[in-house]
Amino acid sequence: EEGYYGSNCSFFNCFNLSSSLSSVCSSHGQCNAYNNCSCDENYSGSDCSLYSCYQIDSKTSAVCSSHGTCMSHNNCLCDEGYSGLNCSTFSCYHTESTF
């Protein structure tokens, strides 16, 4: 069968990575069959590489209030001067302002 290899055809890859590697399925799922990832909770996509931060897709410009980067599910890395779970708090000269 296509995608399987080894003496008993019991080995397979997911998107060019061996199913036994910890990095398979973007390290957020298990490779159950050839190019078939079963994603962990809060991750999606064919290779489990998609996630969101506070219900906003990690790839959109609006993620983390447009003032940070979504590093993993609900984990924003805020730009300098911004803080809070979704980077919505701005601090200027130690005075906070929430948008």
PDB file of N, CA and C in Angstrom:
ATOM      1  N   GLU A   1       0.848  -1.181   0.000  1.00  0.00           N
ATOM      2  CA  GLU A   1       0.000   0.000   0.000  1.00  0.00           C
ATOM      3  C   GLU A   1       0.894   1.245   0.000  1.00  0.00           C
ATOM      4  N   GLU A   2       0.473   2.269  -0.696  1.00  0.00           N
ATOM      5  CA  GLU A   2       1.252   3.493  -0.835  1.00  0.00           C
ATOM      6  C   GLU A   2       1.525   4.128   0.528  1.00  0.00           C
ATOM      7  N   GLY A   3       2.778   4.570   0.712  1.00  0.00           N
ATOM      8  CA  GLY A   3       3.146   5.283   1.921  1.00  0.00           C
ATOM      9  C   GLY A   3       3.655   4.412   3.047  1.00  0.00           C
ATOM     10  N   TYR A   4       3.536   3.101   2.913  1.00  0.00           N
ATOM     11  CA  TYR A   4       3.992   2.186   3.958  1.00  0.00           C
ATOM     12  C   TYR A   4       5.292   1.525   3.519  1.00  0.00           C
ATOM     13  N   TYR A   5       6.140   1.195   4.483  1.00  0.00           N
ATOM     14  CA  TYR A   5       7.422   0.583   4.150  1.00  0.00           C
ATOM     15  C   TYR A   5       7.856  -0.342   5.290  1.00  0.00           C
ATOM     16  N   GLY A   6       8.980  -1.005   5.088  1.00  0.00           N
ATOM     17  CA  GLY A   6       9.494  -1.962   6.058  1.00  0.00           C
ATOM     18  C   GLY A   6       9.155  -3.380   5.625  1.00  0.00           C
ATOM     19  N   SER A   7       9.757  -4.353   6.255  1.00  0.00           N
ATOM     20  CA  SER A   7       9.577  -5.747   5.838  1.00  0.00           C
ATOM     21  C   SER A   7       8.120  -6.202   5.919  1.00  0.00           C
ATOM     22  N   ASN A   8       7.370  -5.675   6.854  1.00  0.00           N
ATOM     23  CA  ASN A   8       5.949  -6.038   6.983  1.00  0.00           C
ATOM     24  C   ASN A   8       5.019  -4.892   6.589  1.00  0.00           C
ATOM     25  N   CYS A   9       5.599  -3.864   5.959  1.00  0.00           N
ATOM     26  CA  CYS A   9       4.819  -2.665   5.586  1.00  0.00           C
ATOM     27  C   CYS A   9       4.111  -2.074   6.804  1.00  0.00           C
ATOM     28  N   SER A  10       4.779  -2.095   7.939  1.00  0.00           N
ATOM     29  CA  SER A  10       4.159  -1.598   9.169  1.00  0.00           C
ATOM     30  C   SER A  10       4.651  -0.205   9.561  1.00  0.00           C
ATOM     31  N   PHE A  11       5.546   0.369   8.775  1.00  0.00           N
ATOM     32  CA  PHE A  11       6.051   1.713   9.052  1.00  0.00           C
ATOM     33  C   PHE A  11       5.470   2.696   8.048  1.00  0.00           C
ATOM     34  N   PHE A  12       5.265   3.926   8.498  1.00  0.00           N
ATOM     35  CA  PHE A  12       4.696   4.966   7.622  1.00  0.00           C
ATOM     36  C   PHE A  12       5.140   6.327   8.110  1.00  0.00           C
ATOM     37  N   ASN A  13       4.985   7.314   7.262  1.00  0.00           N
ATOM     38  CA  ASN A  13       5.343   8.695   7.570  1.00  0.00           C
ATOM     39  C   ASN A  13       4.106   9.566   7.578  1.00  0.00           C
ATOM     40  N   CYS A  14       4.230  10.677   8.257  1.00  0.00           N
ATOM     41  CA  CYS A  14       3.228  11.735   8.178  1.00  0.00           C
ATOM     42  C   CYS A  14       3.939  12.977   7.672  1.00  0.00           C
ATOM     43  N   PHE A  15       3.613  13.376   6.468  1.00  0.00           N
ATOM     44  CA  PHE A  15       4.155  14.583   5.855  1.00  0.00           C
ATOM     45  C   PHE A  15       5.681  14.588   5.932  1.00  0.00           C
ATOM     46  N   ASN A  16       6.272  13.507   5.453  1.00  0.00           N
ATOM     47  CA  ASN A  16       7.722  13.316   5.313  1.00  0.00           C
ATOM     48  C   ASN A  16       8.474  13.119   6.626  1.00  0.00           C
ATOM     49  N   LEU A  17       7.768  12.908   7.720  1.00  0.00           N
ATOM     50  CA  LEU A  17       8.415  12.599   8.997  1.00  0.00           C
ATOM     51  C   LEU A  17       7.983  11.209   9.450  1.00  0.00           C
ATOM     52  N   SER A  18       8.916  10.458  10.014  1.00  0.00           N
ATOM     53  CA  SER A  18       8.596   9.131  10.524  1.00  0.00           C
ATOM     54  C   SER A  18       7.527   9.235  11.614  1.00  0.00           C
ATOM     55  N   SER A  19       6.584   8.316  11.606  1.00  0.00           N
ATOM     56  CA  SER A  19       5.496   8.340  12.581  1.00  0.00           C
ATOM     57  C   SER A  19       5.996   8.193  14.010  1.00  0.00           C
ATOM     58  N   SER A  20       7.228   7.732  14.201  1.00  0.00           N
ATOM     59  CA  SER A  20       7.757   7.522  15.552  1.00  0.00           C
ATOM     60  C   SER A  20       8.484   8.749  16.122  1.00  0.00           C
ATOM     61  N   LEU A  21       8.703   9.769  15.321  1.00  0.00           N
ATOM     62  CA  LEU A  21       9.399  10.964  15.796  1.00  0.00           C
ATOM     63  C   LEU A  21       8.494  11.827  16.672  1.00  0.00           C
ATOM     64  N   SER A  22       9.053  12.446  17.686  1.00  0.00           N
ATOM     65  CA  SER A  22       8.257  13.321  18.556  1.00  0.00           C
ATOM     66  C   SER A  22       7.801  14.583  17.828  1.00  0.00           C
ATOM     67  N   SER A  23       8.491  14.955  16.762  1.00  0.00           N
ATOM     68  CA  SER A  23       8.139  16.166  16.017  1.00  0.00           C
ATOM     69  C   SER A  23       7.054  15.930  14.959  1.00  0.00           C
ATOM     70  N   VAL A  24       6.626  14.678  14.794  1.00  0.00           N
ATOM     71  CA  VAL A  24       5.592  14.384  13.805  1.00  0.00           C
ATOM     72  C   VAL A  24       4.300  15.102  14.182  1.00  0.00           C
ATOM     73  N   CYS A  25       3.517  15.457  13.217  1.00  0.00           N
ATOM     74  CA  CYS A  25       2.243  16.173  13.427  1.00  0.00           C
ATOM     75  C   CYS A  25       2.480  17.462  14.215  1.00  0.00           C
ATOM     76  N   SER A  26       3.548  18.173  13.878  1.00  0.00           N
ATOM     77  CA  SER A  26       3.916  19.456  14.492  1.00  0.00           C
ATOM     78  C   SER A  26       4.079  19.358  16.007  1.00  0.00           C
ATOM     79  N   SER A  27       4.360  18.168  16.504  1.00  0.00           N
ATOM     80  CA  SER A  27       4.509  17.893  17.945  1.00  0.00           C
ATOM     81  C   SER A  27       3.207  18.101  18.714  1.00  0.00           C
ATOM     82  N   HIS A  28       2.086  18.133  17.982  1.00  0.00           N
ATOM     83  CA  HIS A  28       0.789  18.354  18.622  1.00  0.00           C
ATOM     84  C   HIS A  28      -0.227  17.295  18.211  1.00  0.00           C
ATOM     85  N   GLY A  29       0.246  16.081  17.993  1.00  0.00           N
ATOM     86  CA  GLY A  29      -0.662  15.005  17.608  1.00  0.00           C
ATOM     87  C   GLY A  29       0.089  13.712  17.395  1.00  0.00           C
ATOM     88  N   GLN A  30      -0.648  12.696  16.958  1.00  0.00           N
ATOM     89  CA  GLN A  30      -0.083  11.389  16.692  1.00  0.00           C
ATOM     90  C   GLN A  30      -0.336  11.022  15.238  1.00  0.00           C
ATOM     91  N   CYS A  31       0.636  10.382  14.631  1.00  0.00           N
ATOM     92  CA  CYS A  31       0.515   9.896  13.267  1.00  0.00           C
ATOM     93  C   CYS A  31      -0.071   8.491  13.334  1.00  0.00           C
ATOM     94  N   ASN A  32      -1.320   8.337  12.903  1.00  0.00           N
ATOM     95  CA  ASN A  32      -2.028   7.062  13.006  1.00  0.00           C
ATOM     96  C   ASN A  32      -1.939   6.211  11.753  1.00  0.00           C
ATOM     97  N   ALA A  33      -1.687   6.839  10.635  1.00  0.00           N
ATOM     98  CA  ALA A  33      -1.581   6.162   9.342  1.00  0.00           C
ATOM     99  C   ALA A  33      -0.839   7.112   8.408  1.00  0.00           C
ATOM    100  N   TYR A  34      -0.509   6.648   7.211  1.00  0.00           N
ATOM    101  CA  TYR A  34       0.224   7.460   6.253  1.00  0.00           C
ATOM    102  C   TYR A  34      -0.467   8.813   6.055  1.00  0.00           C
ATOM    103  N   ASN A  35       0.259   9.906   6.354  1.00  0.00           N
ATOM    104  CA  ASN A  35      -0.237  11.283   6.217  1.00  0.00           C
ATOM    105  C   ASN A  35      -1.578  11.505   6.907  1.00  0.00           C
ATOM    106  N   ASN A  36      -1.757  10.880   8.066  1.00  0.00           N
ATOM    107  CA  ASN A  36      -3.000  11.009   8.819  1.00  0.00           C
ATOM    108  C   ASN A  36      -2.684  11.293  10.284  1.00  0.00           C
ATOM    109  N   CYS A  37      -2.766  12.567  10.658  1.00  0.00           N
ATOM    110  CA  CYS A  37      -2.500  12.980  12.039  1.00  0.00           C
ATOM    111  C   CYS A  37      -3.805  13.053  12.825  1.00  0.00           C
ATOM    112  N   SER A  38      -3.742  12.617  14.043  1.00  0.00           N
ATOM    113  CA  SER A  38      -4.826  12.808  15.005  1.00  0.00           C
ATOM    114  C   SER A  38      -4.339  13.886  15.965  1.00  0.00           C
ATOM    115  N   CYS A  39      -4.940  15.061  15.894  1.00  0.00           N
ATOM    116  CA  CYS A  39      -4.432  16.230  16.610  1.00  0.00           C
ATOM    117  C   CYS A  39      -4.851  16.247  18.077  1.00  0.00           C
ATOM    118  N   ASP A  40      -3.949  16.796  18.901  1.00  0.00           N
ATOM    119  CA  ASP A  40      -4.256  17.036  20.307  1.00  0.00           C
ATOM    120  C   ASP A  40      -5.351  18.095  20.397  1.00  0.00           C
ATOM    121  N   GLU A  41      -5.984  18.174  21.558  1.00  0.00           N
ATOM    122  CA  GLU A  41      -7.028  19.170  21.785  1.00  0.00           C
ATOM    123  C   GLU A  41      -6.473  20.563  21.526  1.00  0.00           C
ATOM    124  N   ASN A  42      -7.248  21.413  20.904  1.00  0.00           N
ATOM    125  CA  ASN A  42      -6.932  22.811  20.574  1.00  0.00           C
ATOM    126  C   ASN A  42      -6.004  22.987  19.377  1.00  0.00           C
ATOM    127  N   TYR A  43      -5.656  21.896  18.685  1.00  0.00           N
ATOM    128  CA  TYR A  43      -4.837  21.974  17.474  1.00  0.00           C
ATOM    129  C   TYR A  43      -5.612  21.331  16.331  1.00  0.00           C
ATOM    130  N   SER A  44      -5.384  21.830  15.116  1.00  0.00           N
ATOM    131  CA  SER A  44      -6.113  21.307  13.960  1.00  0.00           C
ATOM    132  C   SER A  44      -5.236  21.408  12.716  1.00  0.00           C
ATOM    133  N   GLY A  45      -5.800  21.033  11.592  1.00  0.00           N
ATOM    134  CA  GLY A  45      -5.084  21.033  10.321  1.00  0.00           C
ATOM    135  C   GLY A  45      -4.564  19.647  10.020  1.00  0.00           C
ATOM    136  N   SER A  46      -4.233  19.402   8.776  1.00  0.00           N
ATOM    137  CA  SER A  46      -3.783  18.067   8.371  1.00  0.00           C
ATOM    138  C   SER A  46      -2.540  17.629   9.124  1.00  0.00           C
ATOM    139  N   ASP A  47      -1.666  18.586   9.497  1.00  0.00           N
ATOM    140  CA  ASP A  47      -0.445  18.254  10.227  1.00  0.00           C
ATOM    141  C   ASP A  47      -0.439  18.835  11.650  1.00  0.00           C
ATOM    142  N   CYS A  48      -1.619  19.209  12.158  1.00  0.00           N
ATOM    143  CA  CYS A  48      -1.797  19.726  13.536  1.00  0.00           C
ATOM    144  C   CYS A  48      -1.028  21.019  13.794  1.00  0.00           C
ATOM    145  N   SER A  49      -0.821  21.820  12.780  1.00  0.00           N
ATOM    146  CA  SER A  49      -0.044  23.051  12.935  1.00  0.00           C
ATOM    147  C   SER A  49      -0.907  24.286  13.172  1.00  0.00           C
ATOM    148  N   LEU A  50      -2.231  24.131  13.178  1.00  0.00           N
ATOM    149  CA  LEU A  50      -3.115  25.282  13.354  1.00  0.00           C
ATOM    150  C   LEU A  50      -3.629  25.357  14.787  1.00  0.00           C
ATOM    151  N   TYR A  51      -3.704  26.579  15.318  1.00  0.00           N
ATOM    152  CA  TYR A  51      -4.200  26.815  16.671  1.00  0.00           C
ATOM    153  C   TYR A  51      -4.684  28.255  16.752  1.00  0.00           C
ATOM    154  N   SER A  52      -5.257  28.629  17.877  1.00  0.00           N
ATOM    155  CA  SER A  52      -5.770  29.982  18.032  1.00  0.00           C
ATOM    156  C   SER A  52      -5.349  30.556  19.378  1.00  0.00           C
ATOM    157  N   CYS A  53      -5.450  31.866  19.483  1.00  0.00           N
ATOM    158  CA  CYS A  53      -5.252  32.567  20.743  1.00  0.00           C
ATOM    159  C   CYS A  53      -6.542  33.309  21.037  1.00  0.00           C
ATOM    160  N   TYR A  54      -7.233  32.857  22.048  1.00  0.00           N
ATOM    161  CA  TYR A  54      -8.475  33.477  22.502  1.00  0.00           C
ATOM    162  C   TYR A  54      -9.470  33.634  21.356  1.00  0.00           C
ATOM    163  N   GLN A  55      -9.733  32.525  20.686  1.00  0.00           N
ATOM    164  CA  GLN A  55     -10.695  32.369  19.597  1.00  0.00           C
ATOM    165  C   GLN A  55     -10.329  33.107  18.311  1.00  0.00           C
ATOM    166  N   ILE A  56      -9.087  33.562  18.165  1.00  0.00           N
ATOM    167  CA  ILE A  56      -8.648  34.208  16.932  1.00  0.00           C
ATOM    168  C   ILE A  56      -7.528  33.366  16.331  1.00  0.00           C
ATOM    169  N   ASP A  57      -7.668  33.021  15.052  1.00  0.00           N
ATOM    170  CA  ASP A  57      -6.693  32.180  14.358  1.00  0.00           C
ATOM    171  C   ASP A  57      -5.294  32.765  14.480  1.00  0.00           C
ATOM    172  N   SER A  58      -4.328  31.916  14.781  1.00  0.00           N
ATOM    173  CA  SER A  58      -2.949  32.359  15.018  1.00  0.00           C
ATOM    174  C   SER A  58      -2.306  33.019  13.802  1.00  0.00           C
ATOM    175  N   LYS A  59      -2.833  32.779  12.613  1.00  0.00           N
ATOM    176  CA  LYS A  59      -2.222  33.313  11.384  1.00  0.00           C
ATOM    177  C   LYS A  59      -2.779  34.676  10.971  1.00  0.00           C
ATOM    178  N   THR A  60      -3.809  35.187  11.668  1.00  0.00           N
ATOM    179  CA  THR A  60      -4.407  36.458  11.268  1.00  0.00           C
ATOM    180  C   THR A  60      -3.722  37.638  11.960  1.00  0.00           C
ATOM    181  N   SER A  61      -3.820  38.806  11.357  1.00  0.00           N
ATOM    182  CA  SER A  61      -3.174  39.998  11.914  1.00  0.00           C
ATOM    183  C   SER A  61      -3.875  40.485  13.179  1.00  0.00           C
ATOM    184  N   ALA A  62      -5.111  40.072  13.413  1.00  0.00           N
ATOM    185  CA  ALA A  62      -5.861  40.521  14.595  1.00  0.00           C
ATOM    186  C   ALA A  62      -5.524  39.714  15.846  1.00  0.00           C
ATOM    187  N   VAL A  63      -4.743  38.654  15.706  1.00  0.00           N
ATOM    188  CA  VAL A  63      -4.426  37.808  16.863  1.00  0.00           C
ATOM    189  C   VAL A  63      -3.643  38.611  17.897  1.00  0.00           C
ATOM    190  N   CYS A  64      -3.863  38.310  19.153  1.00  0.00           N
ATOM    191  CA  CYS A  64      -3.178  38.994  20.269  1.00  0.00           C
ATOM    192  C   CYS A  64      -3.379  40.509  20.175  1.00  0.00           C
ATOM    193  N   SER A  65      -4.611  40.909  19.864  1.00  0.00           N
ATOM    194  CA  SER A  65      -5.005  42.321  19.746  1.00  0.00           C
ATOM    195  C   SER A  65      -4.137  43.101  18.761  1.00  0.00           C
ATOM    196  N   SER A  66      -3.553  42.405  17.798  1.00  0.00           N
ATOM    197  CA  SER A  66      -2.657  42.989  16.793  1.00  0.00           C
ATOM    198  C   SER A  66      -1.383  43.568  17.415  1.00  0.00           C
ATOM    199  N   HIS A  67      -1.083  43.156  18.652  1.00  0.00           N
ATOM    200  CA  HIS A  67       0.098  43.682  19.344  1.00  0.00           C
ATOM    201  C   HIS A  67       0.971  42.558  19.898  1.00  0.00           C
ATOM    202  N   GLY A  68       0.989  41.430  19.191  1.00  0.00           N
ATOM    203  CA  GLY A  68       1.811  40.326  19.644  1.00  0.00           C
ATOM    204  C   GLY A  68       1.746  39.165  18.672  1.00  0.00           C
ATOM    205  N   THR A  69       2.359  38.059  19.068  1.00  0.00           N
ATOM    206  CA  THR A  69       2.418  36.853  18.263  1.00  0.00           C
ATOM    207  C   THR A  69       1.836  35.698  19.055  1.00  0.00           C
ATOM    208  N   CYS A  70       0.975  34.935  18.416  1.00  0.00           N
ATOM    209  CA  CYS A  70       0.394  33.744  19.038  1.00  0.00           C
ATOM    210  C   CYS A  70       1.423  32.620  18.914  1.00  0.00           C
ATOM    211  N   MET A  71       2.026  32.234  20.035  1.00  0.00           N
ATOM    212  CA  MET A  71       3.109  31.255  20.032  1.00  0.00           C
ATOM    213  C   MET A  71       2.589  29.819  20.087  1.00  0.00           C
ATOM    214  N   SER A  72       1.490  29.605  20.770  1.00  0.00           N
ATOM    215  CA  SER A  72       0.809  28.315  20.881  1.00  0.00           C
ATOM    216  C   SER A  72      -0.597  28.614  21.375  1.00  0.00           C
ATOM    217  N   HIS A  73      -1.418  27.611  21.524  1.00  0.00           N
ATOM    218  CA  HIS A  73      -2.815  27.828  21.913  1.00  0.00           C
ATOM    219  C   HIS A  73      -2.905  28.722  23.157  1.00  0.00           C
ATOM    220  N   ASN A  74      -3.615  29.853  22.998  1.00  0.00           N
ATOM    221  CA  ASN A  74      -3.850  30.825  24.073  1.00  0.00           C
ATOM    222  C   ASN A  74      -2.557  31.284  24.758  1.00  0.00           C
ATOM    223  N   ASN A  75      -1.505  31.466  23.973  1.00  0.00           N
ATOM    224  CA  ASN A  75      -0.220  31.909  24.504  1.00  0.00           C
ATOM    225  C   ASN A  75       0.332  33.021  23.616  1.00  0.00           C
ATOM    226  N   CYS A  76       0.024  34.270  23.978  1.00  0.00           N
ATOM    227  CA  CYS A  76       0.492  35.425  23.212  1.00  0.00           C
ATOM    228  C   CYS A  76       1.835  35.909  23.747  1.00  0.00           C
ATOM    229  N   LEU A  77       2.731  36.238  22.829  1.00  0.00           N
ATOM    230  CA  LEU A  77       3.979  36.913  23.155  1.00  0.00           C
ATOM    231  C   LEU A  77       3.783  38.356  22.716  1.00  0.00           C
ATOM    232  N   CYS A  78       3.654  39.254  23.686  1.00  0.00           N
ATOM    233  CA  CYS A  78       3.282  40.642  23.402  1.00  0.00           C
ATOM    234  C   CYS A  78       4.460  41.474  22.924  1.00  0.00           C
ATOM    235  N   ASP A  79       4.129  42.439  22.047  1.00  0.00           N
ATOM    236  CA  ASP A  79       5.112  43.419  21.601  1.00  0.00           C
ATOM    237  C   ASP A  79       5.502  44.301  22.788  1.00  0.00           C
ATOM    238  N   GLU A  80       6.656  44.960  22.676  1.00  0.00           N
ATOM    239  CA  GLU A  80       7.117  45.838  23.742  1.00  0.00           C
ATOM    240  C   GLU A  80       6.075  46.909  24.032  1.00  0.00           C
ATOM    241  N   GLY A  81       5.791  47.119  25.301  1.00  0.00           N
ATOM    242  CA  GLY A  81       4.812  48.120  25.719  1.00  0.00           C
ATOM    243  C   GLY A  81       3.420  47.560  25.913  1.00  0.00           C
ATOM    244  N   TYR A  82       3.191  46.319  25.492  1.00  0.00           N
ATOM    245  CA  TYR A  82       1.872  45.694  25.609  1.00  0.00           C
ATOM    246  C   TYR A  82       1.960  44.501  26.553  1.00  0.00           C
ATOM    247  N   SER A  83       0.864  44.241  27.247  1.00  0.00           N
ATOM    248  CA  SER A  83       0.823  43.111  28.170  1.00  0.00           C
ATOM    249  C   SER A  83      -0.613  42.596  28.263  1.00  0.00           C
ATOM    250  N   GLY A  84      -0.814  41.625  29.121  1.00  0.00           N
ATOM    251  CA  GLY A  84      -2.132  41.010  29.288  1.00  0.00           C
ATOM    252  C   GLY A  84      -2.196  39.707  28.522  1.00  0.00           C
ATOM    253  N   LEU A  85      -3.202  38.909  28.823  1.00  0.00           N
ATOM    254  CA  LEU A  85      -3.338  37.602  28.189  1.00  0.00           C
ATOM    255  C   LEU A  85      -3.341  37.692  26.676  1.00  0.00           C
ATOM    256  N   ASN A  86      -4.058  38.693  26.127  1.00  0.00           N
ATOM    257  CA  ASN A  86      -4.134  38.839  24.673  1.00  0.00           C
ATOM    258  C   ASN A  86      -3.510  40.153  24.198  1.00  0.00           C
ATOM    259  N   CYS A  87      -2.559  40.671  24.973  1.00  0.00           N
ATOM    260  CA  CYS A  87      -1.784  41.877  24.616  1.00  0.00           C
ATOM    261  C   CYS A  87      -2.654  43.113  24.433  1.00  0.00           C
ATOM    262  N   SER A  88      -3.726  43.217  25.199  1.00  0.00           N
ATOM    263  CA  SER A  88      -4.655  44.339  25.031  1.00  0.00           C
ATOM    264  C   SER A  88      -4.363  45.497  25.984  1.00  0.00           C
ATOM    265  N   THR A  89      -3.369  45.360  26.837  1.00  0.00           N
ATOM    266  CA  THR A  89      -3.039  46.433  27.776  1.00  0.00           C
ATOM    267  C   THR A  89      -1.755  47.122  27.326  1.00  0.00           C
ATOM    268  N   PHE A  90      -1.834  48.444  27.171  1.00  0.00           N
ATOM    269  CA  PHE A  90      -0.686  49.242  26.751  1.00  0.00           C
ATOM    270  C   PHE A  90      -0.177  50.036  27.948  1.00  0.00           C
ATOM    271  N   SER A  91       1.113  50.100  28.096  1.00  0.00           N
ATOM    272  CA  SER A  91       1.715  50.846  29.191  1.00  0.00           C
ATOM    273  C   SER A  91       2.665  51.879  28.623  1.00  0.00           C
ATOM    274  N   CYS A  92       2.416  53.121  28.968  1.00  0.00           N
ATOM    275  CA  CYS A  92       3.274  54.218  28.523  1.00  0.00           C
ATOM    276  C   CYS A  92       3.705  54.994  29.748  1.00  0.00           C
ATOM    277  N   TYR A  93       4.977  55.027  29.983  1.00  0.00           N
ATOM    278  CA  TYR A  93       5.517  55.700  31.164  1.00  0.00           C
ATOM    279  C   TYR A  93       4.852  55.192  32.435  1.00  0.00           C
ATOM    280  N   HIS A  94       4.707  53.851  32.513  1.00  0.00           N
ATOM    281  CA  HIS A  94       4.169  53.130  33.664  1.00  0.00           C
ATOM    282  C   HIS A  94       2.692  53.411  33.923  1.00  0.00           C
ATOM    283  N   THR A  95       1.980  53.964  32.939  1.00  0.00           N
ATOM    284  CA  THR A  95       0.550  54.167  33.049  1.00  0.00           C
ATOM    285  C   THR A  95      -0.132  53.209  32.091  1.00  0.00           C
ATOM    286  N   GLU A  96      -1.030  52.350  32.628  1.00  0.00           N
ATOM    287  CA  GLU A  96      -1.692  51.347  31.793  1.00  0.00           C
ATOM    288  C   GLU A  96      -2.965  51.896  31.188  1.00  0.00           C
ATOM    289  N   SER A  97      -3.222  51.461  29.969  1.00  0.00           N
ATOM    290  CA  SER A  97      -4.441  51.814  29.261  1.00  0.00           C
ATOM    291  C   SER A  97      -4.930  50.572  28.555  1.00  0.00           C
ATOM    292  N   THR A  98      -6.187  50.186  28.735  1.00  0.00           N
ATOM    293  CA  THR A  98      -6.759  49.017  28.082  1.00  0.00           C
ATOM    294  C   THR A  98      -7.609  49.483  26.909  1.00  0.00           C
ATOM    295  N   PHE A  99      -7.390  48.844  25.774  1.00  0.00           N
ATOM    296  CA  PHE A  99      -8.147  49.206  24.563  1.00  0.00           C
ATOM    297  C   PHE A  99      -9.533  48.632  24.657  1.00  0.00           C
TER     298      PHE A  99
END
